[in-house]
Amino acid sequence: VYQWFDIHLKGESNELSQASPVQMKVKFEDRYEGFDGFPI
């Protein structure tokens, strides 16, 4: 959330601005997977 506001209210670039916009945590796994849209 903090990074989102930094991007869109301050015009900054950060890790969130470079990430795939759909991030899914795999249940019971210690990882996220990024996708460009939904449905995947």
Full PDB file with SEQRES, HELIX, SHEET, SSBOND, CRYST1, ORIGX, SCALE, CONECT and MASTER records, all heavy atoms in Angstrom:
SEQRES   1 A   40  VAL TYR GLN TRP PHE ASP ILE HIS LEU LYS GLY GLU SER          
SEQRES   2 A   40  ASN GLU LEU SER GLN ALA SER PRO VAL GLN MET LYS VAL          
SEQRES   3 A   40  LYS PHE GLU ASP ARG TYR GLU GLY PHE ASP GLY PHE PRO          
SEQRES   4 A   40  ILE                                                          
HELIX    1 AA1 TYR A    2  LYS A   10  1                                   9    
HELIX    2 AA2 GLU A   15  GLN A   18  1                                   4    
SHEET    1 AA1 2 VAL A  22  LYS A  25  0                                        
SHEET    2 AA1 2 TYR A  32  PHE A  35 -1                                        
CRYST1    1.000    1.000    1.000  90.00  90.00  90.00 P 1           1          
ORIGX1      1.000000  0.000000  0.000000        0.00000                         
ORIGX2      0.000000  1.000000  0.000000        0.00000                         
ORIGX3      0.000000  0.000000  1.000000        0.00000                         
SCALE1      1.000000  0.000000  0.000000        0.00000                         
SCALE2      0.000000  1.000000  0.000000        0.00000                         
SCALE3      0.000000  0.000000  1.000000        0.00000                         
ATOM      1  N   VAL A   1       0.841  -1.204   0.000  1.00  0.00           N  
ATOM      2  CA  VAL A   1       0.000   0.000   0.000  1.00  0.00           C  
ATOM      3  C   VAL A   1       0.875   1.253   0.000  1.00  0.00           C  
ATOM      4  O   VAL A   1       0.638   2.195  -0.770  1.00  0.00           O  
ATOM      5  CB  VAL A   1      -0.946   0.001   1.220  1.00  0.00           C  
ATOM      6  CG1 VAL A   1      -1.602   1.374   1.398  1.00  0.00           C  
ATOM      7  CG2 VAL A   1      -2.016  -1.068   1.059  1.00  0.00           C  
ATOM      8  N   TYR A   2       1.886   1.279   0.854  1.00  0.00           N  
ATOM      9  CA  TYR A   2       2.776   2.444   0.898  1.00  0.00           C  
ATOM     10  C   TYR A   2       3.459   2.652  -0.457  1.00  0.00           C  
ATOM     11  O   TYR A   2       3.554   3.782  -0.960  1.00  0.00           O  
ATOM     12  CB  TYR A   2       3.845   2.269   1.987  1.00  0.00           C  
ATOM     13  CG  TYR A   2       3.306   1.986   3.367  1.00  0.00           C  
ATOM     14  CD1 TYR A   2       3.990   1.143   4.248  1.00  0.00           C  
ATOM     15  CD2 TYR A   2       2.101   2.533   3.806  1.00  0.00           C  
ATOM     16  CE1 TYR A   2       3.501   0.865   5.522  1.00  0.00           C  
ATOM     17  CE2 TYR A   2       1.599   2.256   5.072  1.00  0.00           C  
ATOM     18  CZ  TYR A   2       2.311   1.414   5.921  1.00  0.00           C  
ATOM     19  OH  TYR A   2       1.816   1.141   7.172  1.00  0.00           O  
ATOM     20  N   GLN A   3       3.922   1.555  -1.048  1.00  0.00           N  
ATOM     21  CA  GLN A   3       4.587   1.676  -2.348  1.00  0.00           C  
ATOM     22  C   GLN A   3       3.607   2.119  -3.434  1.00  0.00           C  
ATOM     23  O   GLN A   3       3.968   2.888  -4.335  1.00  0.00           O  
ATOM     24  CB  GLN A   3       5.220   0.336  -2.737  1.00  0.00           C  
ATOM     25  CG  GLN A   3       6.424  -0.054  -1.892  1.00  0.00           C  
ATOM     26  CD  GLN A   3       7.176  -1.217  -2.500  1.00  0.00           C  
ATOM     27  OE1 GLN A   3       7.777  -1.091  -3.569  1.00  0.00           O  
ATOM     28  NE2 GLN A   3       7.132  -2.361  -1.836  1.00  0.00           N  
ATOM     29  N   TRP A   4       2.356   1.636  -3.356  1.00  0.00           N  
ATOM     30  CA  TRP A   4       1.342   2.021  -4.352  1.00  0.00           C  
ATOM     31  C   TRP A   4       1.111   3.534  -4.337  1.00  0.00           C  
ATOM     32  O   TRP A   4       1.063   4.166  -5.394  1.00  0.00           O  
ATOM     33  CB  TRP A   4       0.047   1.274  -4.060  1.00  0.00           C  
ATOM     34  CG  TRP A   4      -1.011   1.436  -5.113  1.00  0.00           C  
ATOM     35  CD1 TRP A   4      -2.168   2.147  -5.023  1.00  0.00           C  
ATOM     36  CD2 TRP A   4      -1.001   0.843  -6.420  1.00  0.00           C  
ATOM     37  NE1 TRP A   4      -2.889   2.045  -6.188  1.00  0.00           N  
ATOM     38  CE2 TRP A   4      -2.211   1.253  -7.064  1.00  0.00           C  
ATOM     39  CE3 TRP A   4      -0.115   0.019  -7.101  1.00  0.00           C  
ATOM     40  CZ2 TRP A   4      -2.515   0.848  -8.357  1.00  0.00           C  
ATOM     41  CZ3 TRP A   4      -0.429  -0.377  -8.396  1.00  0.00           C  
ATOM     42  CH2 TRP A   4      -1.615   0.032  -9.008  1.00  0.00           C  
ATOM     43  N   PHE A   5       0.981   4.089  -3.142  1.00  0.00           N  
ATOM     44  CA  PHE A   5       0.787   5.537  -3.060  1.00  0.00           C  
ATOM     45  C   PHE A   5       2.050   6.296  -3.487  1.00  0.00           C  
ATOM     46  O   PHE A   5       1.956   7.356  -4.121  1.00  0.00           O  
ATOM     47  CB  PHE A   5       0.351   5.932  -1.654  1.00  0.00           C  
ATOM     48  CG  PHE A   5      -1.078   5.561  -1.338  1.00  0.00           C  
ATOM     49  CD1 PHE A   5      -1.411   4.994  -0.115  1.00  0.00           C  
ATOM     50  CD2 PHE A   5      -2.089   5.776  -2.260  1.00  0.00           C  
ATOM     51  CE1 PHE A   5      -2.730   4.650   0.176  1.00  0.00           C  
ATOM     52  CE2 PHE A   5      -3.410   5.437  -1.984  1.00  0.00           C  
ATOM     53  CZ  PHE A   5      -3.730   4.872  -0.764  1.00  0.00           C  
ATOM     54  N   ASP A   6       3.221   5.771  -3.172  1.00  0.00           N  
ATOM     55  CA  ASP A   6       4.460   6.415  -3.629  1.00  0.00           C  
ATOM     56  C   ASP A   6       4.513   6.465  -5.154  1.00  0.00           C  
ATOM     57  O   ASP A   6       4.957   7.460  -5.743  1.00  0.00           O  
ATOM     58  CB  ASP A   6       5.683   5.669  -3.097  1.00  0.00           C  
ATOM     59  CG  ASP A   6       5.929   5.908  -1.615  1.00  0.00           C  
ATOM     60  OD1 ASP A   6       5.306   6.830  -1.046  1.00  0.00           O  
ATOM     61  OD2 ASP A   6       6.744   5.167  -1.025  1.00  0.00           O  
ATOM     62  N   ILE A   7       4.049   5.399  -5.806  1.00  0.00           N  
ATOM     63  CA  ILE A   7       4.049   5.367  -7.274  1.00  0.00           C  
ATOM     64  C   ILE A   7       3.072   6.390  -7.845  1.00  0.00           C  
ATOM     65  O   ILE A   7       3.414   7.191  -8.721  1.00  0.00           O  
ATOM     66  CB  ILE A   7       3.671   3.957  -7.778  1.00  0.00           C  
ATOM     67  CG1 ILE A   7       4.723   2.926  -7.380  1.00  0.00           C  
ATOM     68  CG2 ILE A   7       3.483   3.960  -9.302  1.00  0.00           C  
ATOM     69  CD1 ILE A   7       4.262   1.491  -7.557  1.00  0.00           C  
ATOM     70  N   HIS A   8       1.839   6.385  -7.322  1.00  0.00           N  
ATOM     71  CA  HIS A   8       0.762   7.114  -7.996  1.00  0.00           C  
ATOM     72  C   HIS A   8       0.469   8.487  -7.401  1.00  0.00           C  
ATOM     73  O   HIS A   8      -0.246   9.281  -8.024  1.00  0.00           O  
ATOM     74  CB  HIS A   8      -0.500   6.253  -8.011  1.00  0.00           C  
ATOM     75  CG  HIS A   8      -0.322   4.992  -8.811  1.00  0.00           C  
ATOM     76  ND1 HIS A   8      -0.294   4.992 -10.180  1.00  0.00           N  
ATOM     77  CD2 HIS A   8      -0.111   3.699  -8.423  1.00  0.00           C  
ATOM     78  CE1 HIS A   8      -0.101   3.753 -10.616  1.00  0.00           C  
ATOM     79  NE2 HIS A   8       0.007   2.948  -9.575  1.00  0.00           N  
ATOM     80  N   LEU A   9       0.998   8.788  -6.221  1.00  0.00           N  
ATOM     81  CA  LEU A   9       0.813  10.121  -5.651  1.00  0.00           C  
ATOM     82  C   LEU A   9       2.118  10.912  -5.608  1.00  0.00           C  
ATOM     83  O   LEU A   9       2.094  12.138  -5.548  1.00  0.00           O  
ATOM     84  CB  LEU A   9       0.222  10.019  -4.238  1.00  0.00           C  
ATOM     85  CG  LEU A   9      -1.139   9.317  -4.127  1.00  0.00           C  
ATOM     86  CD1 LEU A   9      -1.653   9.373  -2.686  1.00  0.00           C  
ATOM     87  CD2 LEU A   9      -2.157   9.925  -5.082  1.00  0.00           C  
ATOM     88  N   LYS A  10       3.249  10.222  -5.644  1.00  0.00           N  
ATOM     89  CA  LYS A  10       4.559  10.904  -5.653  1.00  0.00           C  
ATOM     90  C   LYS A  10       5.301  10.760  -6.978  1.00  0.00           C  
ATOM     91  O   LYS A  10       6.283  11.462  -7.208  1.00  0.00           O  
ATOM     92  CB  LYS A  10       5.450  10.341  -4.540  1.00  0.00           C  
ATOM     93  CG  LYS A  10       5.037  10.713  -3.121  1.00  0.00           C  
ATOM     94  CD  LYS A  10       6.066  10.166  -2.149  1.00  0.00           C  
ATOM     95  CE  LYS A  10       5.793  10.568  -0.726  1.00  0.00           C  
ATOM     96  NZ  LYS A  10       6.812  10.002   0.210  1.00  0.00           N  
ATOM     97  N   GLY A  11       4.842   9.834  -7.814  1.00  0.00           N  
ATOM     98  CA  GLY A  11       5.515   9.627  -9.092  1.00  0.00           C  
ATOM     99  C   GLY A  11       6.807   8.855  -8.989  1.00  0.00           C  
ATOM    100  O   GLY A  11       7.658   8.937  -9.887  1.00  0.00           O  
ATOM    101  N   GLU A  12       6.982   8.062  -7.926  1.00  0.00           N  
ATOM    102  CA  GLU A  12       8.211   7.318  -7.732  1.00  0.00           C  
ATOM    103  C   GLU A  12       8.149   5.957  -8.431  1.00  0.00           C  
ATOM    104  O   GLU A  12       7.080   5.464  -8.788  1.00  0.00           O  
ATOM    105  CB  GLU A  12       8.472   7.108  -6.238  1.00  0.00           C  
ATOM    106  CG  GLU A  12       8.710   8.405  -5.478  1.00  0.00           C  
ATOM    107  CD  GLU A  12       8.984   8.189  -4.005  1.00  0.00           C  
ATOM    108  OE1 GLU A  12       8.985   7.020  -3.561  1.00  0.00           O  
ATOM    109  OE2 GLU A  12       9.203   9.185  -3.299  1.00  0.00           O  
ATOM    110  N   SER A  13       9.323   5.354  -8.595  1.00  0.00           N  
ATOM    111  CA  SER A  13       9.428   3.999  -9.102  1.00  0.00           C  
ATOM    112  C   SER A  13       9.985   3.123  -7.989  1.00  0.00           C  
ATOM    113  O   SER A  13      10.878   3.538  -7.243  1.00  0.00           O  
ATOM    114  CB  SER A  13      10.348   3.950 -10.322  1.00  0.00           C  
ATOM    115  OG  SER A  13      10.466   2.639 -10.818  1.00  0.00           O  
ATOM    116  N   ASN A  14       9.452   1.922  -7.842  1.00  0.00           N  
ATOM    117  CA  ASN A  14       9.910   1.030  -6.785  1.00  0.00           C  
ATOM    118  C   ASN A  14       9.666  -0.417  -7.195  1.00  0.00           C  
ATOM    119  O   ASN A  14       9.305  -0.700  -8.345  1.00  0.00           O  
ATOM    120  CB  ASN A  14       9.223   1.367  -5.458  1.00  0.00           C  
ATOM    121  CG  ASN A  14       7.702   1.416  -5.584  1.00  0.00           C  
ATOM    122  OD1 ASN A  14       7.092   0.570  -6.245  1.00  0.00           O  
ATOM    123  ND2 ASN A  14       7.073   2.414  -4.962  1.00  0.00           N  
ATOM    124  N   GLU A  15       9.853  -1.352  -6.269  1.00  0.00           N  
ATOM    125  CA  GLU A  15       9.695  -2.768  -6.578  1.00  0.00           C  
ATOM    126  C   GLU A  15       8.285  -3.094  -7.077  1.00  0.00           C  
ATOM    127  O   GLU A  15       8.103  -3.905  -7.982  1.00  0.00           O  
ATOM    128  CB  GLU A  15       9.994  -3.609  -5.340  1.00  0.00           C  
ATOM    129  CG  GLU A  15      11.456  -3.610  -4.915  1.00  0.00           C  
ATOM    130  CD  GLU A  15      11.682  -4.481  -3.692  1.00  0.00           C  
ATOM    131  OE1 GLU A  15      10.697  -5.090  -3.204  1.00  0.00           O  
ATOM    132  OE2 GLU A  15      12.830  -4.553  -3.227  1.00  0.00           O  
ATOM    133  N   LEU A  16       7.295  -2.444  -6.486  1.00  0.00           N  
ATOM    134  CA  LEU A  16       5.913  -2.732  -6.868  1.00  0.00           C  
ATOM    135  C   LEU A  16       5.634  -2.304  -8.303  1.00  0.00           C  
ATOM    136  O   LEU A  16       4.906  -2.975  -9.029  1.00  0.00           O  
ATOM    137  CB  LEU A  16       4.947  -2.042  -5.905  1.00  0.00           C  
ATOM    138  CG  LEU A  16       3.503  -2.534  -5.944  1.00  0.00           C  
ATOM    139  CD1 LEU A  16       3.404  -3.953  -5.416  1.00  0.00           C  
ATOM    140  CD2 LEU A  16       2.592  -1.616  -5.153  1.00  0.00           C  
ATOM    141  N   SER A  17       6.215  -1.189  -8.707  1.00  0.00           N  
ATOM    142  CA  SER A  17       5.969  -0.691 -10.063  1.00  0.00           C  
ATOM    143  C   SER A  17       6.569  -1.606 -11.119  1.00  0.00           C  
ATOM    144  O   SER A  17       6.181  -1.558 -12.289  1.00  0.00           O  
ATOM    145  CB  SER A  17       6.524   0.725 -10.220  1.00  0.00           C  
ATOM    146  OG  SER A  17       7.921   0.764 -10.019  1.00  0.00           O  
ATOM    147  N   GLN A  18       7.525  -2.448 -10.727  1.00  0.00           N  
ATOM    148  CA  GLN A  18       8.171  -3.368 -11.661  1.00  0.00           C  
ATOM    149  C   GLN A  18       7.561  -4.770 -11.615  1.00  0.00           C  
ATOM    150  O   GLN A  18       7.904  -5.619 -12.439  1.00  0.00           O  
ATOM    151  CB  GLN A  18       9.673  -3.470 -11.325  1.00  0.00           C  
ATOM    152  CG  GLN A  18      10.393  -2.140 -11.241  1.00  0.00           C  
ATOM    153  CD  GLN A  18      10.296  -1.326 -12.517  1.00  0.00           C  
ATOM    154  OE1 GLN A  18      10.426  -1.877 -13.610  1.00  0.00           O  
ATOM    155  NE2 GLN A  18      10.051  -0.027 -12.398  1.00  0.00           N  
ATOM    156  N   ALA A  19       6.666  -5.030 -10.664  1.00  0.00           N  
ATOM    157  CA  ALA A  19       6.149  -6.386 -10.455  1.00  0.00           C  
ATOM    158  C   ALA A  19       4.981  -6.705 -11.383  1.00  0.00           C  
ATOM    159  O   ALA A  19       4.274  -5.800 -11.855  1.00  0.00           O  
ATOM    160  CB  ALA A  19       5.699  -6.547  -9.001  1.00  0.00           C  
ATOM    161  N   SER A  20       4.752  -7.987 -11.651  1.00  0.00           N  
ATOM    162  CA  SER A  20       3.550  -8.406 -12.375  1.00  0.00           C  
ATOM    163  C   SER A  20       2.327  -8.032 -11.548  1.00  0.00           C  
ATOM    164  O   SER A  20       2.335  -8.164 -10.325  1.00  0.00           O  
ATOM    165  CB  SER A  20       3.574  -9.914 -12.612  1.00  0.00           C  
ATOM    166  OG  SER A  20       4.675 -10.279 -13.415  1.00  0.00           O  
ATOM    167  N   PRO A  21       1.255  -7.554 -12.187  1.00  0.00           N  
ATOM    168  CA  PRO A  21       0.142  -6.964 -11.427  1.00  0.00           C  
ATOM    169  C   PRO A  21      -0.756  -7.956 -10.694  1.00  0.00           C  
ATOM    170  O   PRO A  21      -1.554  -7.544  -9.858  1.00  0.00           O  
ATOM    171  CB  PRO A  21      -0.645  -6.201 -12.493  1.00  0.00           C  
ATOM    172  CG  PRO A  21      -0.323  -6.907 -13.768  1.00  0.00           C  
ATOM    173  CD  PRO A  21       1.091  -7.371 -13.637  1.00  0.00           C  
ATOM    174  N   VAL A  22      -0.688  -9.241 -11.005  1.00  0.00           N  
ATOM    175  CA  VAL A  22      -1.449 -10.249 -10.268  1.00  0.00           C  
ATOM    176  C   VAL A  22      -0.448 -11.125  -9.518  1.00  0.00           C  
ATOM    177  O   VAL A  22       0.368 -11.818 -10.140  1.00  0.00           O  
ATOM    178  CB  VAL A  22      -2.318 -11.113 -11.196  1.00  0.00           C  
ATOM    179  CG1 VAL A  22      -3.021 -12.213 -10.401  1.00  0.00           C  
ATOM    180  CG2 VAL A  22      -3.341 -10.255 -11.929  1.00  0.00           C  
ATOM    181  N   GLN A  23      -0.503 -11.082  -8.197  1.00  0.00           N  
ATOM    182  CA  GLN A  23       0.415 -11.862  -7.370  1.00  0.00           C  
ATOM    183  C   GLN A  23      -0.392 -12.861  -6.547  1.00  0.00           C  
ATOM    184  O   GLN A  23      -1.237 -12.479  -5.744  1.00  0.00           O  
ATOM    185  CB  GLN A  23       1.214 -10.938  -6.448  1.00  0.00           C  
ATOM    186  CG  GLN A  23       2.169 -10.000  -7.179  1.00  0.00           C  
ATOM    187  CD  GLN A  23       3.384 -10.729  -7.746  1.00  0.00           C  
ATOM    188  OE1 GLN A  23       3.886 -11.667  -7.139  1.00  0.00           O  
ATOM    189  NE2 GLN A  23       3.850 -10.283  -8.905  1.00  0.00           N  
ATOM    190  N   MET A  24      -0.116 -14.147  -6.748  1.00  0.00           N  
ATOM    191  CA  MET A  24      -0.845 -15.201  -6.054  1.00  0.00           C  
ATOM    192  C   MET A  24       0.106 -15.953  -5.128  1.00  0.00           C  
ATOM    193  O   MET A  24       1.121 -16.491  -5.581  1.00  0.00           O  
ATOM    194  CB  MET A  24      -1.465 -16.190  -7.050  1.00  0.00           C  
ATOM    195  CG  MET A  24      -2.389 -15.564  -8.070  1.00  0.00           C  
ATOM    196  SD  MET A  24      -3.213 -16.797  -9.148  1.00  0.00           S  
ATOM    197  CE  MET A  24      -4.549 -17.353  -8.066  1.00  0.00           C  
ATOM    198  N   LYS A  25      -0.230 -15.966  -3.835  1.00  0.00           N  
ATOM    199  CA  LYS A  25       0.516 -16.825  -2.919  1.00  0.00           C  
ATOM    200  C   LYS A  25       0.028 -18.255  -3.109  1.00  0.00           C  
ATOM    201  O   LYS A  25      -1.173 -18.515  -3.091  1.00  0.00           O  
ATOM    202  CB  LYS A  25       0.319 -16.413  -1.470  1.00  0.00           C  
ATOM    203  CG  LYS A  25       1.199 -17.218  -0.494  1.00  0.00           C  
ATOM    204  CD  LYS A  25       0.964 -16.847   0.952  1.00  0.00           C  
ATOM    205  CE  LYS A  25       2.011 -17.494   1.846  1.00  0.00           C  
ATOM    206  NZ  LYS A  25       2.084 -18.955   1.730  1.00  0.00           N  
ATOM    207  N   VAL A  26       0.938 -19.166  -3.292  1.00  0.00           N  
ATOM    208  CA  VAL A  26       0.578 -20.566  -3.407  1.00  0.00           C  
ATOM    209  C   VAL A  26       0.309 -21.086  -1.997  1.00  0.00           C  
ATOM    210  O   VAL A  26       1.148 -20.971  -1.102  1.00  0.00           O  
ATOM    211  CB  VAL A  26       1.698 -21.374  -4.081  1.00  0.00           C  
ATOM    212  CG1 VAL A  26       1.269 -22.840  -4.242  1.00  0.00           C  
ATOM    213  CG2 VAL A  26       2.031 -20.771  -5.448  1.00  0.00           C  
ATOM    214  N   LYS A  27      -0.860 -21.654  -1.789  1.00  0.00           N  
ATOM    215  CA  LYS A  27      -1.264 -22.091  -0.451  1.00  0.00           C  
ATOM    216  C   LYS A  27      -0.280 -23.114   0.107  1.00  0.00           C  
ATOM    217  O   LYS A  27       0.094 -24.069  -0.578  1.00  0.00           O  
ATOM    218  CB  LYS A  27      -2.677 -22.667  -0.479  1.00  0.00           C  
ATOM    219  CG  LYS A  27      -3.770 -21.642  -0.769  1.00  0.00           C  
ATOM    220  CD  LYS A  27      -5.150 -22.261  -0.835  1.00  0.00           C  
ATOM    221  CE  LYS A  27      -5.652 -22.713   0.513  1.00  0.00           C  
ATOM    222  NZ  LYS A  27      -7.087 -23.126   0.465  1.00  0.00           N  
ATOM    223  N   PHE A  28       0.124 -22.863   1.352  1.00  0.00           N  
ATOM    224  CA  PHE A  28       1.024 -23.741   2.101  1.00  0.00           C  
ATOM    225  C   PHE A  28       2.412 -23.861   1.467  1.00  0.00           C  
ATOM    226  O   PHE A  28       3.146 -24.805   1.728  1.00  0.00           O  
ATOM    227  CB  PHE A  28       0.394 -25.131   2.298  1.00  0.00           C  
ATOM    228  CG  PHE A  28      -1.029 -25.060   2.765  1.00  0.00           C  
ATOM    229  CD1 PHE A  28      -2.064 -25.535   1.974  1.00  0.00           C  
ATOM    230  CD2 PHE A  28      -1.340 -24.471   3.977  1.00  0.00           C  
ATOM    231  CE1 PHE A  28      -3.386 -25.447   2.394  1.00  0.00           C  
ATOM    232  CE2 PHE A  28      -2.657 -24.379   4.406  1.00  0.00           C  
ATOM    233  CZ  PHE A  28      -3.679 -24.862   3.619  1.00  0.00           C  
ATOM    234  N   GLU A  29       2.736 -22.873   0.626  1.00  0.00           N  
ATOM    235  CA  GLU A  29       4.076 -22.766   0.049  1.00  0.00           C  
ATOM    236  C   GLU A  29       4.597 -21.363   0.340  1.00  0.00           C  
ATOM    237  O   GLU A  29       3.832 -20.404   0.369  1.00  0.00           O  
ATOM    238  CB  GLU A  29       4.053 -22.995  -1.464  1.00  0.00           C  
ATOM    239  CG  GLU A  29       3.495 -24.328  -1.904  1.00  0.00           C  
ATOM    240  CD  GLU A  29       4.477 -25.466  -1.712  1.00  0.00           C  
ATOM    241  OE1 GLU A  29       5.682 -25.185  -1.515  1.00  0.00           O  
ATOM    242  OE2 GLU A  29       4.045 -26.632  -1.775  1.00  0.00           O  
ATOM    243  N   ASP A  30       5.890 -21.249   0.545  1.00  0.00           N  
ATOM    244  CA  ASP A  30       6.475 -19.958   0.876  1.00  0.00           C  
ATOM    245  C   ASP A  30       6.897 -19.226  -0.393  1.00  0.00           C  
ATOM    246  O   ASP A  30       8.067 -18.914  -0.600  1.00  0.00           O  
ATOM    247  CB  ASP A  30       7.681 -20.158   1.810  1.00  0.00           C  
ATOM    248  CG  ASP A  30       8.213 -18.815   2.336  1.00  0.00           C  
ATOM    249  OD1 ASP A  30       7.439 -17.839   2.331  1.00  0.00           O  
ATOM    250  OD2 ASP A  30       9.389 -18.779   2.739  1.00  0.00           O  
ATOM    251  N   ARG A  31       5.916 -18.976  -1.261  1.00  0.00           N  
ATOM    252  CA  ARG A  31       6.254 -18.266  -2.492  1.00  0.00           C  
ATOM    253  C   ARG A  31       5.010 -17.632  -3.123  1.00  0.00           C  
ATOM    254  O   ARG A  31       3.889 -18.086  -2.903  1.00  0.00           O  
ATOM    255  CB  ARG A  31       6.927 -19.189  -3.500  1.00  0.00           C  
ATOM    256  CG  ARG A  31       6.013 -20.175  -4.188  1.00  0.00           C  
ATOM    257  CD  ARG A  31       6.774 -21.012  -5.214  1.00  0.00           C  
ATOM    258  NE  ARG A  31       5.899 -21.757  -6.086  1.00  0.00           N  
ATOM    259  CZ  ARG A  31       5.373 -22.941  -5.795  1.00  0.00           C  
ATOM    260  NH1 ARG A  31       5.647 -23.507  -4.635  1.00  0.00           N  
ATOM    261  NH2 ARG A  31       4.585 -23.555  -6.671  1.00  0.00           N  
ATOM    262  N   TYR A  32       5.266 -16.578  -3.889  1.00  0.00           N  
ATOM    263  CA  TYR A  32       4.253 -15.923  -4.702  1.00  0.00           C  
ATOM    264  C   TYR A  32       4.603 -16.135  -6.168  1.00  0.00           C  
ATOM    265  O   TYR A  32       5.774 -16.277  -6.526  1.00  0.00           O  
ATOM    266  CB  TYR A  32       4.199 -14.422  -4.412  1.00  0.00           C  
ATOM    267  CG  TYR A  32       3.565 -14.068  -3.101  1.00  0.00           C  
ATOM    268  CD1 TYR A  32       4.297 -14.147  -1.918  1.00  0.00           C  
ATOM    269  CD2 TYR A  32       2.243 -13.646  -3.024  1.00  0.00           C  
ATOM    270  CE1 TYR A  32       3.729 -13.831  -0.699  1.00  0.00           C  
ATOM    271  CE2 TYR A  32       1.665 -13.324  -1.808  1.00  0.00           C  
ATOM    272  CZ  TYR A  32       2.414 -13.415  -0.653  1.00  0.00           C  
ATOM    273  OH  TYR A  32       1.848 -13.098   0.555  1.00  0.00           O  
ATOM    274  N   GLU A  33       3.582 -16.146  -6.998  1.00  0.00           N  
ATOM    275  CA  GLU A  33       3.789 -16.209  -8.445  1.00  0.00           C  
ATOM    276  C   GLU A  33       3.085 -15.020  -9.080  1.00  0.00           C  
ATOM    277  O   GLU A  33       1.952 -14.679  -8.708  1.00  0.00           O  
ATOM    278  CB  GLU A  33       3.238 -17.517  -9.011  1.00  0.00           C  
ATOM    279  CG  GLU A  33       4.006 -18.738  -8.537  1.00  0.00           C  
ATOM    280  CD  GLU A  33       3.443 -20.037  -9.069  1.00  0.00           C  
ATOM    281  OE1 GLU A  33       2.352 -20.004  -9.685  1.00  0.00           O  
ATOM    282  OE2 GLU A  33       4.086 -21.078  -8.863  1.00  0.00           O  
ATOM    283  N   GLY A  34       3.764 -14.390 -10.033  1.00  0.00           N  
ATOM    284  CA  GLY A  34       3.224 -13.202 -10.680  1.00  0.00           C  
ATOM    285  C   GLY A  34       2.695 -13.497 -12.075  1.00  0.00           C  
ATOM    286  O   GLY A  34       3.285 -14.279 -12.827  1.00  0.00           O  
ATOM    287  N   PHE A  35       1.570 -12.850 -12.410  1.00  0.00           N  
ATOM    288  CA  PHE A  35       0.948 -13.022 -13.717  1.00  0.00           C  
ATOM    289  C   PHE A  35       0.510 -11.651 -14.243  1.00  0.00           C  
ATOM    290  O   PHE A  35       0.335 -10.700 -13.480  1.00  0.00           O  
ATOM    291  CB  PHE A  35      -0.249 -13.963 -13.620  1.00  0.00           C  
ATOM    292  CG  PHE A  35       0.095 -15.323 -13.064  1.00  0.00           C  
ATOM    293  CD1 PHE A  35      -0.104 -15.596 -11.715  1.00  0.00           C  
ATOM    294  CD2 PHE A  35       0.628 -16.292 -13.876  1.00  0.00           C  
ATOM    295  CE1 PHE A  35       0.225 -16.832 -11.188  1.00  0.00           C  
ATOM    296  CE2 PHE A  35       0.955 -17.545 -13.361  1.00  0.00           C  
ATOM    297  CZ  PHE A  35       0.760 -17.815 -12.018  1.00  0.00           C  
ATOM    298  N   ASP A  36       0.271 -11.595 -15.545  1.00  0.00           N  
ATOM    299  CA  ASP A  36      -0.061 -10.315 -16.169  1.00  0.00           C  
ATOM    300  C   ASP A  36      -1.535  -9.969 -16.085  1.00  0.00           C  
ATOM    301  O   ASP A  36      -1.917  -8.807 -16.267  1.00  0.00           O  
ATOM    302  CB  ASP A  36       0.373 -10.318 -17.640  1.00  0.00           C  
ATOM    303  CG  ASP A  36       1.883 -10.308 -17.797  1.00  0.00           C  
ATOM    304  OD1 ASP A  36       2.571  -9.836 -16.862  1.00  0.00           O  
ATOM    305  OD2 ASP A  36       2.375 -10.785 -18.834  1.00  0.00           O  
ATOM    306  N   GLY A  37      -2.389 -10.944 -15.842  1.00  0.00           N  
ATOM    307  CA  GLY A  37      -3.820 -10.662 -15.786  1.00  0.00           C  
ATOM    308  C   GLY A  37      -4.575 -11.799 -15.151  1.00  0.00           C  
ATOM    309  O   GLY A  37      -4.000 -12.809 -14.738  1.00  0.00           O  
ATOM    310  N   PHE A  38      -5.893 -11.600 -15.041  1.00  0.00           N  
ATOM    311  CA  PHE A  38      -6.782 -12.633 -14.520  1.00  0.00           C  
ATOM    312  C   PHE A  38      -8.040 -12.653 -15.369  1.00  0.00           C  
ATOM    313  O   PHE A  38      -8.588 -11.580 -15.680  1.00  0.00           O  
ATOM    314  CB  PHE A  38      -7.132 -12.358 -13.053  1.00  0.00           C  
ATOM    315  CG  PHE A  38      -7.746 -13.549 -12.367  1.00  0.00           C  
ATOM    316  CD1 PHE A  38      -6.956 -14.447 -11.685  1.00  0.00           C  
ATOM    317  CD2 PHE A  38      -9.109 -13.787 -12.431  1.00  0.00           C  
ATOM    318  CE1 PHE A  38      -7.503 -15.567 -11.072  1.00  0.00           C  
ATOM    319  CE2 PHE A  38      -9.672 -14.898 -11.837  1.00  0.00           C  
ATOM    320  CZ  PHE A  38      -8.862 -15.785 -11.141  1.00  0.00           C  
ATOM    321  N   PRO A  39      -8.537 -13.856 -15.777  1.00  0.00           N  
ATOM    322  CA  PRO A  39      -8.017 -15.186 -15.492  1.00  0.00           C  
ATOM    323  C   PRO A  39      -6.582 -15.369 -15.984  1.00  0.00           C  
ATOM    324  O   PRO A  39      -6.149 -14.707 -16.922  1.00  0.00           O  
ATOM    325  CB  PRO A  39      -8.997 -16.111 -16.225  1.00  0.00           C  
ATOM    326  CG  PRO A  39     -10.231 -15.296 -16.422  1.00  0.00           C  
ATOM    327  CD  PRO A  39      -9.774 -13.897 -16.594  1.00  0.00           C  
ATOM    328  N   ILE A  40      -5.873 -16.306 -15.344  1.00  0.00           N  
ATOM    329  CA  ILE A  40      -4.477 -16.539 -15.665  1.00  0.00           C  
ATOM    330  C   ILE A  40      -4.386 -17.201 -17.044  1.00  0.00           C  
ATOM    331  O   ILE A  40      -4.841 -18.331 -17.221  1.00  0.00           O  
ATOM    332  CB  ILE A  40      -3.815 -17.451 -14.606  1.00  0.00           C  
ATOM    333  CG1 ILE A  40      -4.055 -16.901 -13.195  1.00  0.00           C  
ATOM    334  CG2 ILE A  40      -2.338 -17.627 -14.897  1.00  0.00           C  
ATOM    335  CD1 ILE A  40      -3.524 -15.524 -12.954  1.00  0.00           C  
TER     336      ILE A  40                                                      
MASTER        0    0    0    2    2    0    0    6  335    1    0    4          
END                                                                             
